[in-house]
Amino acid sequence: MIVAIDGPAGSGKSTTSRRVADRLGFLYLDTGAMYRAATLAVLSDSANLKDDEGIGASAESMEIDFDRSGCRIFLNGLDVSRDIRSQEVTDAVSTVSAFAIVRERMVDLQRKIAGNRDAVVEGRDIGTVVFPNANCKFFIVADVTERAKRRKKDLAELGIELTVEQIVEDLKRRDKLDSSRPISPLQRADDAVEIDTTDMTMDEQVDLIVTNVRERLDRKEMKKSSD
């Protein structure tokens, strides 16, 4: 079973997805971290962000993997879990992610990692592009100021200090880039359940999704029994 959780940057989908996967005993796949790792690879190769050929070479040669928990990400064998959260990567990730060759490479890796397993997969285009036939789809949204406050807390835990105002501007910029790119833009799948988490606690978000998934699993089991 694939559970697809999409939403804009800072909406809380990563933490929610990780906890949902833990509750269900599913694999957790953070595709946003994969795009950040790809961006780090491009920056490390000193590729011009307008150079299709240079970015393509970086995309083709990179190897990305996770530890068993899905919390630590490795780029070409090196743990880059902290490096991918740098401001330099944050500033460039939407630009790098818009390249077709990068998205093709990432989608291929994502399908290989989660395709034959019970998994919670989160990102921007999971329910529309990566796994359009996912069993359960959710689209998480939240007020941009609330998203900025959450992102500020996450960054502070990594030793990165930014103001809420700085983060709000960055989120607005990324929202515009992510929703307007011609390839795999950020958008809600027609059959996704939209959840506004602005005034919800993390436990409430997780409970809502887990309940929905378990109901789907129960219906699936009942159908198998009747067949």
N, C-alpha and C. Protein backbone atom coordinates (compact mmCIF):
# COMPACT_ATOMS: atom_id res chain seq x y z
N MET A 1 0.84 -1.20 0.00
CA MET A 1 0.00 0.00 0.00
C MET A 1 0.87 1.25 0.00
N ILE A 2 0.53 2.21 -0.84
CA ILE A 2 1.22 3.48 -0.88
C ILE A 2 0.31 4.57 -0.33
N VAL A 3 0.82 5.31 0.65
CA VAL A 3 0.13 6.48 1.20
C VAL A 3 0.90 7.71 0.71
N ALA A 4 0.26 8.52 -0.12
CA ALA A 4 0.90 9.71 -0.68
C ALA A 4 0.50 10.94 0.12
N ILE A 5 1.49 11.68 0.59
CA ILE A 5 1.23 12.91 1.34
C ILE A 5 1.98 14.06 0.67
N ASP A 6 1.22 14.96 0.07
CA ASP A 6 1.80 16.11 -0.63
C ASP A 6 1.45 17.40 0.09
N GLY A 7 2.17 18.46 -0.28
CA GLY A 7 1.88 19.77 0.29
C GLY A 7 3.04 20.71 0.08
N PRO A 8 2.82 22.00 0.31
CA PRO A 8 3.88 23.00 0.12
C PRO A 8 4.95 22.92 1.20
N ALA A 9 6.05 23.61 0.97
CA ALA A 9 7.16 23.65 1.93
C ALA A 9 6.69 24.17 3.28
N GLY A 10 7.12 23.51 4.34
CA GLY A 10 6.81 23.98 5.69
C GLY A 10 5.41 23.68 6.17
N SER A 11 4.66 22.86 5.44
CA SER A 11 3.29 22.56 5.85
C SER A 11 3.22 21.54 6.97
N GLY A 12 4.35 20.94 7.30
CA GLY A 12 4.38 19.95 8.38
C GLY A 12 4.27 18.52 7.88
N LYS A 13 4.31 18.35 6.56
CA LYS A 13 4.09 17.01 6.02
C LYS A 13 5.20 16.02 6.36
N SER A 14 6.43 16.51 6.53
CA SER A 14 7.53 15.58 6.82
C SER A 14 7.38 14.94 8.18
N THR A 15 7.17 15.76 9.21
CA THR A 15 6.99 15.23 10.56
C THR A 15 5.75 14.36 10.64
N THR A 16 4.66 14.84 10.03
CA THR A 16 3.42 14.07 10.02
C THR A 16 3.62 12.72 9.33
N SER A 17 4.25 12.74 8.17
CA SER A 17 4.46 11.51 7.40
C SER A 17 5.31 10.51 8.16
N ARG A 18 6.36 11.02 8.80
CA ARG A 18 7.25 10.14 9.56
C ARG A 18 6.49 9.44 10.68
N ARG A 19 5.64 10.20 11.38
CA ARG A 19 4.90 9.61 12.50
C ARG A 19 3.80 8.67 12.02
N VAL A 20 3.17 9.02 10.90
CA VAL A 20 2.16 8.13 10.32
C VAL A 20 2.80 6.80 9.94
N ALA A 21 3.95 6.86 9.29
CA ALA A 21 4.66 5.63 8.90
C ALA A 21 5.01 4.79 10.12
N ASP A 22 5.45 5.46 11.18
CA ASP A 22 5.81 4.75 12.40
C ASP A 22 4.59 4.05 13.01
N ARG A 23 3.46 4.76 13.03
CA ARG A 23 2.23 4.18 13.59
C ARG A 23 1.75 2.98 12.78
N LEU A 24 1.90 3.05 11.48
CA LEU A 24 1.40 1.99 10.60
C LEU A 24 2.41 0.87 10.39
N GLY A 25 3.67 1.13 10.76
CA GLY A 25 4.72 0.15 10.50
C GLY A 25 5.14 0.13 9.04
N PHE A 26 4.97 1.26 8.35
CA PHE A 26 5.32 1.37 6.93
C PHE A 26 6.69 2.02 6.77
N LEU A 27 7.28 1.85 5.60
CA LEU A 27 8.48 2.58 5.22
C LEU A 27 8.13 4.06 5.09
N TYR A 28 9.05 4.93 5.51
CA TYR A 28 8.87 6.37 5.33
C TYR A 28 9.86 6.87 4.29
N LEU A 29 9.37 7.56 3.26
CA LEU A 29 10.25 8.08 2.21
C LEU A 29 10.04 9.58 2.07
N ASP A 30 11.08 10.34 2.40
CA ASP A 30 11.06 11.80 2.33
C ASP A 30 11.64 12.24 0.98
N THR A 31 10.77 12.48 0.01
CA THR A 31 11.27 12.83 -1.32
C THR A 31 11.81 14.26 -1.36
N GLY A 32 11.33 15.11 -0.46
CA GLY A 32 11.88 16.47 -0.39
C GLY A 32 13.36 16.44 -0.05
N ALA A 33 13.73 15.54 0.87
CA ALA A 33 15.14 15.38 1.23
C ALA A 33 15.95 14.89 0.04
N MET A 34 15.32 14.07 -0.80
CA MET A 34 16.02 13.58 -1.98
C MET A 34 16.33 14.72 -2.95
N TYR A 35 15.37 15.62 -3.13
CA TYR A 35 15.62 16.77 -4.01
C TYR A 35 16.67 17.70 -3.41
N ARG A 36 16.68 17.81 -2.09
CA ARG A 36 17.72 18.62 -1.45
C ARG A 36 19.09 17.98 -1.65
N ALA A 37 19.14 16.66 -1.55
CA ALA A 37 20.41 15.96 -1.77
C ALA A 37 20.87 16.14 -3.21
N ALA A 38 19.93 16.09 -4.14
CA ALA A 38 20.27 16.31 -5.54
C ALA A 38 20.81 17.73 -5.75
N THR A 39 20.20 18.69 -5.07
CA THR A 39 20.65 20.08 -5.16
C THR A 39 22.05 20.23 -4.58
N LEU A 40 22.29 19.56 -3.45
CA LEU A 40 23.63 19.59 -2.84
C LEU A 40 24.66 19.01 -3.80
N ALA A 41 24.29 17.94 -4.49
CA ALA A 41 25.21 17.33 -5.46
C ALA A 41 25.54 18.30 -6.59
N VAL A 42 24.52 18.99 -7.07
CA VAL A 42 24.73 19.97 -8.15
C VAL A 42 25.64 21.10 -7.68
N LEU A 43 25.37 21.61 -6.48
CA LEU A 43 26.19 22.70 -5.94
C LEU A 43 27.62 22.23 -5.69
N SER A 44 27.77 21.01 -5.21
CA SER A 44 29.11 20.47 -4.93
C SER A 44 29.92 20.29 -6.21
N ASP A 45 29.20 20.03 -7.31
CA ASP A 45 29.88 19.89 -8.60
C ASP A 45 30.12 21.23 -9.28
N SER A 46 29.72 22.31 -8.57
CA SER A 46 29.88 23.68 -9.10
C SER A 46 29.18 23.86 -10.44
N ALA A 47 28.06 23.15 -10.61
CA ALA A 47 27.32 23.26 -11.86
C ALA A 47 26.58 24.60 -11.93
N ASN A 48 26.52 25.17 -13.11
CA ASN A 48 25.75 26.39 -13.34
C ASN A 48 24.27 26.03 -13.28
N LEU A 49 23.48 26.77 -12.48
CA LEU A 49 22.07 26.43 -12.29
C LEU A 49 21.23 26.69 -13.54
N LYS A 50 21.86 27.19 -14.60
CA LYS A 50 21.16 27.37 -15.87
C LYS A 50 21.71 26.43 -16.94
N ASP A 51 22.59 25.54 -16.52
CA ASP A 51 23.27 24.64 -17.45
C ASP A 51 22.65 23.25 -17.42
N ASP A 52 21.81 22.96 -18.40
CA ASP A 52 21.13 21.67 -18.47
C ASP A 52 22.12 20.51 -18.47
N GLU A 53 23.19 20.66 -19.24
CA GLU A 53 24.15 19.56 -19.38
C GLU A 53 24.88 19.27 -18.08
N GLY A 54 25.32 20.33 -17.38
CA GLY A 54 26.03 20.14 -16.12
C GLY A 54 25.14 19.55 -15.05
N ILE A 55 23.91 20.04 -14.96
CA ILE A 55 22.98 19.52 -13.96
C ILE A 55 22.60 18.08 -14.31
N GLY A 56 22.47 17.81 -15.60
CA GLY A 56 22.15 16.45 -16.03
C GLY A 56 23.24 15.47 -15.64
N ALA A 57 24.49 15.89 -15.79
CA ALA A 57 25.61 15.02 -15.42
C ALA A 57 25.61 14.72 -13.94
N SER A 58 25.31 15.73 -13.12
CA SER A 58 25.24 15.54 -11.67
C SER A 58 24.11 14.58 -11.31
N ALA A 59 22.96 14.77 -11.95
CA ALA A 59 21.79 13.93 -11.66
C ALA A 59 22.05 12.47 -12.01
N GLU A 60 22.68 12.24 -13.13
CA GLU A 60 22.92 10.87 -13.59
C GLU A 60 23.92 10.13 -12.71
N SER A 61 24.88 10.85 -12.15
CA SER A 61 25.96 10.19 -11.40
C SER A 61 25.67 10.03 -9.91
N MET A 62 24.67 10.74 -9.39
CA MET A 62 24.43 10.70 -7.94
C MET A 62 23.73 9.42 -7.51
N GLU A 63 24.06 8.98 -6.30
CA GLU A 63 23.39 7.84 -5.67
C GLU A 63 22.83 8.32 -4.34
N ILE A 64 21.55 8.11 -4.12
CA ILE A 64 20.88 8.58 -2.91
C ILE A 64 20.25 7.40 -2.20
N ASP A 65 20.42 7.35 -0.87
CA ASP A 65 19.85 6.26 -0.09
C ASP A 65 19.52 6.78 1.31
N PHE A 66 18.73 6.00 2.04
CA PHE A 66 18.34 6.34 3.40
C PHE A 66 18.74 5.23 4.35
N ASP A 67 18.82 5.56 5.66
CA ASP A 67 18.97 4.50 6.64
C ASP A 67 17.61 3.85 6.84
N ARG A 68 17.53 2.82 7.64
CA ARG A 68 16.29 2.05 7.78
C ARG A 68 15.14 2.87 8.34
N SER A 69 15.47 3.89 9.16
CA SER A 69 14.41 4.72 9.75
C SER A 69 13.87 5.75 8.77
N GLY A 70 14.61 6.01 7.70
CA GLY A 70 14.21 7.04 6.75
C GLY A 70 14.56 8.44 7.21
N CYS A 71 15.27 8.56 8.32
CA CYS A 71 15.59 9.87 8.90
C CYS A 71 16.95 10.41 8.46
N ARG A 72 17.85 9.53 8.07
CA ARG A 72 19.18 9.96 7.63
C ARG A 72 19.34 9.65 6.14
N ILE A 73 19.84 10.63 5.41
CA ILE A 73 19.98 10.48 3.96
C ILE A 73 21.45 10.52 3.57
N PHE A 74 21.78 9.68 2.60
CA PHE A 74 23.17 9.55 2.16
C PHE A 74 23.29 9.91 0.68
N LEU A 75 24.28 10.72 0.37
CA LEU A 75 24.57 11.09 -1.00
C LEU A 75 25.93 10.51 -1.37
N ASN A 76 25.92 9.61 -2.33
CA ASN A 76 27.17 8.93 -2.73
C ASN A 76 27.91 8.35 -1.53
N GLY A 77 27.13 7.77 -0.60
CA GLY A 77 27.71 7.10 0.56
C GLY A 77 27.98 7.96 1.76
N LEU A 78 27.80 9.28 1.65
CA LEU A 78 28.07 10.19 2.76
C LEU A 78 26.78 10.68 3.39
N ASP A 79 26.74 10.72 4.73
CA ASP A 79 25.57 11.22 5.45
C ASP A 79 25.49 12.73 5.27
N VAL A 80 24.45 13.20 4.57
CA VAL A 80 24.29 14.64 4.30
C VAL A 80 23.01 15.18 4.94
N SER A 81 22.52 14.50 5.97
CA SER A 81 21.25 14.87 6.60
C SER A 81 21.24 16.32 7.08
N ARG A 82 22.37 16.79 7.58
CA ARG A 82 22.47 18.17 8.05
C ARG A 82 22.78 19.13 6.89
N ASP A 83 23.67 18.71 6.01
CA ASP A 83 24.11 19.58 4.91
C ASP A 83 22.97 20.01 4.00
N ILE A 84 21.98 19.14 3.81
CA ILE A 84 20.90 19.47 2.88
C ILE A 84 19.96 20.53 3.43
N ARG A 85 20.11 20.90 4.71
CA ARG A 85 19.25 21.92 5.32
C ARG A 85 19.90 23.30 5.31
N SER A 86 21.05 23.43 4.67
CA SER A 86 21.74 24.73 4.63
C SER A 86 20.92 25.73 3.83
N GLN A 87 21.16 27.02 4.07
CA GLN A 87 20.43 28.06 3.35
C GLN A 87 20.78 28.04 1.87
N GLU A 88 22.01 27.69 1.54
CA GLU A 88 22.42 27.62 0.14
C GLU A 88 21.59 26.59 -0.62
N VAL A 89 21.38 25.43 0.00
CA VAL A 89 20.56 24.40 -0.63
C VAL A 89 19.11 24.85 -0.71
N THR A 90 18.61 25.44 0.38
CA THR A 90 17.22 25.93 0.41
C THR A 90 16.96 26.93 -0.71
N ASP A 91 17.91 27.83 -0.94
CA ASP A 91 17.75 28.85 -1.97
C ASP A 91 17.72 28.27 -3.38
N ALA A 92 18.38 27.13 -3.57
CA ALA A 92 18.53 26.58 -4.92
C ALA A 92 17.63 25.39 -5.23
N VAL A 93 17.00 24.80 -4.21
CA VAL A 93 16.32 23.52 -4.42
C VAL A 93 15.16 23.61 -5.40
N SER A 94 14.37 24.68 -5.36
CA SER A 94 13.24 24.79 -6.29
C SER A 94 13.72 24.92 -7.73
N THR A 95 14.83 25.63 -7.92
CA THR A 95 15.40 25.80 -9.26
C THR A 95 15.91 24.47 -9.81
N VAL A 96 16.70 23.76 -9.00
CA VAL A 96 17.25 22.47 -9.43
C VAL A 96 16.13 21.45 -9.67
N SER A 97 15.12 21.47 -8.81
CA SER A 97 14.02 20.50 -8.90
C SER A 97 13.19 20.69 -10.16
N ALA A 98 13.26 21.87 -10.76
CA ALA A 98 12.46 22.15 -11.94
C ALA A 98 13.04 21.53 -13.21
N PHE A 99 14.29 21.08 -13.16
CA PHE A 99 14.91 20.47 -14.34
C PHE A 99 14.32 19.08 -14.58
N ALA A 100 13.91 18.83 -15.82
CA ALA A 100 13.27 17.56 -16.16
C ALA A 100 14.16 16.37 -15.84
N ILE A 101 15.44 16.47 -16.13
CA ILE A 101 16.34 15.33 -15.91
C ILE A 101 16.48 15.01 -14.42
N VAL A 102 16.42 16.04 -13.57
CA VAL A 102 16.49 15.82 -12.13
C VAL A 102 15.23 15.12 -11.65
N ARG A 103 14.07 15.60 -12.10
CA ARG A 103 12.81 15.01 -11.67
C ARG A 103 12.69 13.57 -12.17
N GLU A 104 13.12 13.33 -13.39
CA GLU A 104 13.06 11.96 -13.93
C GLU A 104 13.93 11.01 -13.10
N ARG A 105 15.11 11.47 -12.74
CA ARG A 105 16.02 10.66 -11.93
C ARG A 105 15.43 10.38 -10.56
N MET A 106 14.86 11.42 -9.93
CA MET A 106 14.30 11.27 -8.59
C MET A 106 13.06 10.37 -8.60
N VAL A 107 12.19 10.56 -9.58
CA VAL A 107 10.99 9.72 -9.66
C VAL A 107 11.37 8.26 -9.84
N ASP A 108 12.36 8.00 -10.66
CA ASP A 108 12.84 6.63 -10.86
C ASP A 108 13.34 6.03 -9.55
N LEU A 109 14.15 6.79 -8.80
CA LEU A 109 14.66 6.31 -7.52
C LEU A 109 13.53 6.09 -6.52
N GLN A 110 12.57 7.01 -6.49
CA GLN A 110 11.46 6.91 -5.54
C GLN A 110 10.63 5.66 -5.80
N ARG A 111 10.37 5.38 -7.05
CA ARG A 111 9.59 4.19 -7.39
C ARG A 111 10.35 2.91 -7.07
N LYS A 112 11.66 2.93 -7.25
CA LYS A 112 12.47 1.76 -6.93
C LYS A 112 12.49 1.50 -5.43
N ILE A 113 12.58 2.57 -4.64
CA ILE A 113 12.66 2.42 -3.19
C ILE A 113 11.34 1.96 -2.58
N ALA A 114 10.23 2.56 -3.03
CA ALA A 114 8.95 2.33 -2.35
C ALA A 114 7.95 1.51 -3.16
N GLY A 115 8.25 1.23 -4.41
CA GLY A 115 7.26 0.65 -5.30
C GLY A 115 6.62 -0.65 -4.86
N ASN A 116 7.37 -1.55 -4.25
CA ASN A 116 6.83 -2.87 -3.88
C ASN A 116 6.70 -3.05 -2.37
N ARG A 117 6.54 -1.94 -1.66
CA ARG A 117 6.48 -2.01 -0.19
C ARG A 117 5.31 -1.17 0.32
N ASP A 118 4.90 -1.45 1.56
CA ASP A 118 3.96 -0.56 2.23
C ASP A 118 4.75 0.68 2.63
N ALA A 119 4.36 1.83 2.12
CA ALA A 119 5.17 3.03 2.34
C ALA A 119 4.33 4.28 2.45
N VAL A 120 4.81 5.21 3.28
CA VAL A 120 4.28 6.57 3.33
C VAL A 120 5.30 7.43 2.59
N VAL A 121 4.87 8.01 1.49
CA VAL A 121 5.77 8.79 0.64
C VAL A 121 5.30 10.23 0.62
N GLU A 122 6.18 11.15 0.98
CA GLU A 122 5.77 12.56 1.03
C GLU A 122 6.59 13.42 0.09
N GLY A 123 5.94 14.46 -0.44
CA GLY A 123 6.63 15.35 -1.36
C GLY A 123 5.70 16.40 -1.92
N ARG A 124 5.91 16.73 -3.19
CA ARG A 124 5.10 17.75 -3.88
C ARG A 124 4.24 17.14 -4.99
N ASP A 125 4.69 16.02 -5.56
CA ASP A 125 3.99 15.45 -6.72
C ASP A 125 3.78 13.94 -6.58
N ILE A 126 3.68 13.47 -5.35
CA ILE A 126 3.57 12.02 -5.14
C ILE A 126 2.25 11.49 -5.67
N GLY A 127 1.15 12.13 -5.30
CA GLY A 127 -0.17 11.66 -5.71
C GLY A 127 -0.53 11.96 -7.14
N THR A 128 0.22 12.87 -7.78
CA THR A 128 -0.09 13.24 -9.16
C THR A 128 0.85 12.62 -10.18
N VAL A 129 2.12 12.41 -9.81
CA VAL A 129 3.12 11.95 -10.78
C VAL A 129 3.81 10.66 -10.36
N VAL A 130 4.37 10.64 -9.15
CA VAL A 130 5.20 9.50 -8.74
C VAL A 130 4.35 8.25 -8.54
N PHE A 131 3.28 8.38 -7.74
CA PHE A 131 2.37 7.25 -7.51
C PHE A 131 0.93 7.73 -7.73
N PRO A 132 0.54 7.96 -8.99
CA PRO A 132 -0.82 8.45 -9.26
C PRO A 132 -1.91 7.47 -8.85
N ASN A 133 -1.55 6.20 -8.68
CA ASN A 133 -2.53 5.18 -8.27
C ASN A 133 -2.38 4.81 -6.80
N ALA A 134 -1.78 5.69 -6.02
CA ALA A 134 -1.60 5.44 -4.58
C ALA A 134 -2.94 5.12 -3.93
N ASN A 135 -2.92 4.21 -2.95
CA ASN A 135 -4.15 3.78 -2.29
C ASN A 135 -4.81 4.90 -1.50
N CYS A 136 -3.99 5.73 -0.86
CA CYS A 136 -4.50 6.86 -0.07
C CYS A 136 -3.69 8.11 -0.42
N LYS A 137 -4.39 9.22 -0.62
CA LYS A 137 -3.71 10.47 -0.96
C LYS A 137 -4.19 11.59 -0.04
N PHE A 138 -3.22 12.36 0.43
CA PHE A 138 -3.54 13.51 1.29
C PHE A 138 -2.75 14.72 0.80
N PHE A 139 -3.38 15.90 0.93
CA PHE A 139 -2.71 17.15 0.56
C PHE A 139 -2.80 18.07 1.77
N ILE A 140 -1.63 18.35 2.35
CA ILE A 140 -1.57 19.12 3.59
C ILE A 140 -1.27 20.58 3.31
N VAL A 141 -2.09 21.47 3.86
CA VAL A 141 -1.87 22.90 3.71
C VAL A 141 -1.89 23.56 5.08
N ALA A 142 -1.39 24.80 5.14
CA ALA A 142 -1.42 25.57 6.38
C ALA A 142 -1.13 27.03 6.04
N ASP A 143 -1.57 27.93 6.90
CA ASP A 143 -1.28 29.35 6.74
C ASP A 143 0.23 29.56 6.66
N VAL A 144 0.67 30.47 5.79
CA VAL A 144 2.11 30.64 5.55
C VAL A 144 2.87 31.08 6.80
N THR A 145 2.23 31.90 7.65
CA THR A 145 2.91 32.33 8.87
C THR A 145 3.10 31.16 9.83
N GLU A 146 2.09 30.31 9.92
CA GLU A 146 2.20 29.12 10.77
C GLU A 146 3.27 28.18 10.21
N ARG A 147 3.32 28.05 8.91
CA ARG A 147 4.36 27.22 8.28
C ARG A 147 5.75 27.76 8.60
N ALA A 148 5.88 29.09 8.58
CA ALA A 148 7.17 29.72 8.87
C ALA A 148 7.60 29.47 10.31
N LYS A 149 6.65 29.53 11.23
CA LYS A 149 6.96 29.28 12.64
C LYS A 149 7.45 27.85 12.83
N ARG A 150 6.80 26.91 12.15
CA ARG A 150 7.21 25.51 12.26
C ARG A 150 8.61 25.31 11.66
N ARG A 151 8.85 25.94 10.52
CA ARG A 151 10.15 25.81 9.87
C ARG A 151 11.25 26.43 10.73
N LYS A 152 10.94 27.55 11.37
CA LYS A 152 11.92 28.21 12.24
C LYS A 152 12.34 27.29 13.38
N LYS A 153 11.37 26.59 13.95
CA LYS A 153 11.66 25.65 15.04
C LYS A 153 12.55 24.51 14.55
N ASP A 154 12.22 23.97 13.38
CA ASP A 154 13.01 22.87 12.82
C ASP A 154 14.44 23.31 12.53
N LEU A 155 14.59 24.51 11.97
CA LEU A 155 15.92 25.03 11.64
C LEU A 155 16.74 25.30 12.89
N ALA A 156 16.06 25.80 13.94
CA ALA A 156 16.76 26.10 15.19
C ALA A 156 17.38 24.84 15.78
N GLU A 157 16.67 23.71 15.63
CA GLU A 157 17.20 22.44 16.13
C GLU A 157 18.46 22.01 15.38
N LEU A 158 18.63 22.56 14.17
CA LEU A 158 19.83 22.27 13.38
C LEU A 158 20.89 23.35 13.55
N GLY A 159 20.60 24.32 14.45
CA GLY A 159 21.55 25.39 14.69
C GLY A 159 21.48 26.51 13.66
N ILE A 160 20.40 26.56 12.89
CA ILE A 160 20.22 27.59 11.87
C ILE A 160 19.18 28.59 12.36
N GLU A 161 19.57 29.85 12.50
CA GLU A 161 18.68 30.87 13.05
C GLU A 161 18.23 31.84 11.95
N LEU A 162 16.93 31.88 11.68
CA LEU A 162 16.34 32.83 10.75
C LEU A 162 15.09 33.41 11.39
N THR A 163 14.70 34.62 11.00
CA THR A 163 13.48 35.22 11.54
C THR A 163 12.27 34.63 10.83
N VAL A 164 11.10 34.74 11.47
CA VAL A 164 9.86 34.28 10.85
C VAL A 164 9.63 35.03 9.54
N GLU A 165 9.93 36.33 9.54
CA GLU A 165 9.73 37.15 8.35
C GLU A 165 10.58 36.66 7.18
N GLN A 166 11.82 36.31 7.46
CA GLN A 166 12.70 35.79 6.40
C GLN A 166 12.16 34.48 5.83
N ILE A 167 11.67 33.64 6.72
CA ILE A 167 11.17 32.33 6.29
C ILE A 167 9.87 32.48 5.50
N VAL A 168 9.00 33.42 5.92
CA VAL A 168 7.76 33.67 5.18
C VAL A 168 8.06 34.05 3.73
N GLU A 169 9.01 34.96 3.55
CA GLU A 169 9.37 35.39 2.19
C GLU A 169 9.93 34.24 1.38
N ASP A 170 10.74 33.40 2.02
CA ASP A 170 11.31 32.26 1.32
C ASP A 170 10.22 31.25 0.93
N LEU A 171 9.27 31.02 1.84
CA LEU A 171 8.18 30.08 1.55
C LEU A 171 7.31 30.58 0.40
N LYS A 172 7.02 31.88 0.38
CA LYS A 172 6.22 32.45 -0.70
C LYS A 172 6.93 32.29 -2.04
N ARG A 173 8.25 32.53 -2.02
CA ARG A 173 9.04 32.39 -3.24
C ARG A 173 9.00 30.94 -3.73
N ARG A 174 9.18 30.00 -2.81
CA ARG A 174 9.20 28.59 -3.19
C ARG A 174 7.83 28.11 -3.63
N ASP A 175 6.77 28.60 -2.98
CA ASP A 175 5.41 28.23 -3.39
C ASP A 175 5.17 28.63 -4.85
N LYS A 176 5.60 29.84 -5.19
CA LYS A 176 5.40 30.34 -6.56
C LYS A 176 6.18 29.50 -7.56
N LEU A 177 7.43 29.19 -7.23
CA LEU A 177 8.25 28.38 -8.13
C LEU A 177 7.69 26.97 -8.26
N ASP A 178 7.30 26.37 -7.12
CA ASP A 178 6.84 24.98 -7.13
C ASP A 178 5.51 24.81 -7.87
N SER A 179 4.62 25.79 -7.73
CA SER A 179 3.29 25.67 -8.33
C SER A 179 3.25 26.11 -9.80
N SER A 180 4.27 26.84 -10.24
CA SER A 180 4.25 27.36 -11.61
C SER A 180 5.22 26.64 -12.55
N ARG A 181 6.02 25.71 -12.04
CA ARG A 181 6.97 25.03 -12.93
C ARG A 181 6.20 24.16 -13.92
N PRO A 182 6.70 24.05 -15.15
CA PRO A 182 5.98 23.30 -16.18
C PRO A 182 5.98 21.79 -15.97
N ILE A 183 6.98 21.28 -15.23
CA ILE A 183 7.10 19.84 -15.02
C ILE A 183 6.73 19.49 -13.58
N SER A 184 5.74 18.63 -13.40
CA SER A 184 5.33 18.16 -12.07
C SER A 184 5.11 19.31 -11.08
N PRO A 185 4.24 20.26 -11.40
CA PRO A 185 4.01 21.36 -10.46
C PRO A 185 3.32 20.88 -9.19
N LEU A 186 3.47 21.66 -8.12
CA LEU A 186 2.78 21.36 -6.88
C LEU A 186 1.29 21.58 -7.09
N GLN A 187 0.50 20.53 -6.93
CA GLN A 187 -0.95 20.65 -7.02
C GLN A 187 -1.60 19.46 -6.34
N ARG A 188 -2.82 19.68 -5.90
CA ARG A 188 -3.55 18.61 -5.21
C ARG A 188 -4.14 17.64 -6.24
N ALA A 189 -3.95 16.36 -6.00
CA ALA A 189 -4.58 15.35 -6.85
C ALA A 189 -6.09 15.43 -6.66
N ASP A 190 -6.83 15.17 -7.72
CA ASP A 190 -8.29 15.27 -7.65
C ASP A 190 -8.89 14.38 -6.57
N ASP A 191 -8.25 13.23 -6.32
CA ASP A 191 -8.79 12.28 -5.34
C ASP A 191 -8.08 12.34 -3.99
N ALA A 192 -7.36 13.43 -3.74
CA ALA A 192 -6.66 13.58 -2.45
C ALA A 192 -7.56 14.25 -1.42
N VAL A 193 -7.38 13.85 -0.17
CA VAL A 193 -8.08 14.49 0.96
C VAL A 193 -7.24 15.69 1.39
N GLU A 194 -7.81 16.89 1.34
CA GLU A 194 -7.07 18.09 1.75
C GLU A 194 -7.25 18.30 3.26
N ILE A 195 -6.14 18.55 3.94
CA ILE A 195 -6.15 18.76 5.39
C ILE A 195 -5.47 20.09 5.70
N ASP A 196 -6.21 21.03 6.27
CA ASP A 196 -5.64 22.31 6.70
C ASP A 196 -5.17 22.14 8.14
N THR A 197 -3.86 22.18 8.34
CA THR A 197 -3.29 21.89 9.66
C THR A 197 -2.98 23.13 10.48
N THR A 198 -3.42 24.31 10.01
CA THR A 198 -3.07 25.57 10.68
C THR A 198 -3.38 25.52 12.17
N ASP A 199 -4.56 25.02 12.51
CA ASP A 199 -4.98 25.01 13.91
C ASP A 199 -5.02 23.60 14.50
N MET A 200 -4.32 22.69 13.88
CA MET A 200 -4.31 21.31 14.37
C MET A 200 -2.99 21.00 15.07
N THR A 201 -3.07 20.17 16.11
CA THR A 201 -1.84 19.69 16.74
C THR A 201 -1.27 18.57 15.88
N MET A 202 -0.03 18.23 16.13
CA MET A 202 0.59 17.15 15.38
C MET A 202 -0.15 15.84 15.62
N ASP A 203 -0.54 15.58 16.86
CA ASP A 203 -1.26 14.34 17.17
C ASP A 203 -2.57 14.27 16.40
N GLU A 204 -3.27 15.41 16.28
CA GLU A 204 -4.54 15.43 15.56
C GLU A 204 -4.33 15.12 14.08
N GLN A 205 -3.28 15.68 13.50
CA GLN A 205 -2.97 15.42 12.09
C GLN A 205 -2.70 13.94 11.86
N VAL A 206 -1.84 13.39 12.71
CA VAL A 206 -1.45 11.99 12.56
C VAL A 206 -2.65 11.07 12.77
N ASP A 207 -3.44 11.33 13.80
CA ASP A 207 -4.61 10.50 14.08
C ASP A 207 -5.58 10.49 12.91
N LEU A 208 -5.80 11.67 12.31
CA LEU A 208 -6.74 11.78 11.20
C LEU A 208 -6.29 10.93 10.01
N ILE A 209 -5.03 11.02 9.68
CA ILE A 209 -4.51 10.27 8.53
C ILE A 209 -4.47 8.77 8.81
N VAL A 210 -4.00 8.40 10.00
CA VAL A 210 -3.92 6.97 10.35
C VAL A 210 -5.31 6.34 10.34
N THR A 211 -6.30 7.04 10.89
CA THR A 211 -7.67 6.53 10.90
C THR A 211 -8.17 6.31 9.48
N ASN A 212 -7.92 7.29 8.61
CA ASN A 212 -8.35 7.18 7.22
C ASN A 212 -7.69 5.99 6.53
N VAL A 213 -6.39 5.81 6.74
CA VAL A 213 -5.66 4.71 6.10
C VAL A 213 -6.16 3.37 6.63
N ARG A 214 -6.35 3.27 7.94
CA ARG A 214 -6.82 2.01 8.52
C ARG A 214 -8.21 1.65 8.03
N GLU A 215 -9.06 2.65 7.84
CA GLU A 215 -10.39 2.38 7.30
C GLU A 215 -10.28 1.83 5.89
N ARG A 216 -9.34 2.39 5.12
CA ARG A 216 -9.13 1.90 3.76
C ARG A 216 -8.61 0.46 3.78
N LEU A 217 -7.70 0.17 4.71
CA LEU A 217 -7.17 -1.18 4.84
C LEU A 217 -8.26 -2.17 5.23
N ASP A 218 -9.14 -1.74 6.15
CA ASP A 218 -10.24 -2.60 6.59
C ASP A 218 -11.18 -2.91 5.42
N ARG A 219 -11.49 -1.89 4.62
CA ARG A 219 -12.37 -2.11 3.47
C ARG A 219 -11.72 -3.06 2.47
N LYS A 220 -10.40 -2.92 2.31
CA LYS A 220 -9.66 -3.78 1.40
C LYS A 220 -9.72 -5.23 1.86
N GLU A 221 -9.56 -5.44 3.19
CA GLU A 221 -9.61 -6.80 3.74
C GLU A 221 -11.00 -7.39 3.61
N MET A 222 -12.03 -6.56 3.84
CA MET A 222 -13.41 -7.03 3.72
C MET A 222 -13.71 -7.44 2.28
N LYS A 223 -13.20 -6.67 1.33
CA LYS A 223 -13.42 -6.99 -0.08
C LYS A 223 -12.74 -8.31 -0.44
N LYS A 224 -11.51 -8.52 0.08
CA LYS A 224 -10.79 -9.76 -0.19
C LYS A 224 -11.55 -10.95 0.40
N SER A 225 -12.12 -10.76 1.59
CA SER A 225 -12.85 -11.84 2.25
C SER A 225 -14.11 -12.21 1.48
N SER A 226 -14.79 -11.18 0.95
CA SER A 226 -16.03 -11.43 0.21
C SER A 226 -15.76 -12.08 -1.14
N ASP A 227 -14.56 -11.78 -1.70
CA ASP A 227 -14.19 -12.39 -2.98
C ASP A 227 -13.83 -13.85 -2.75
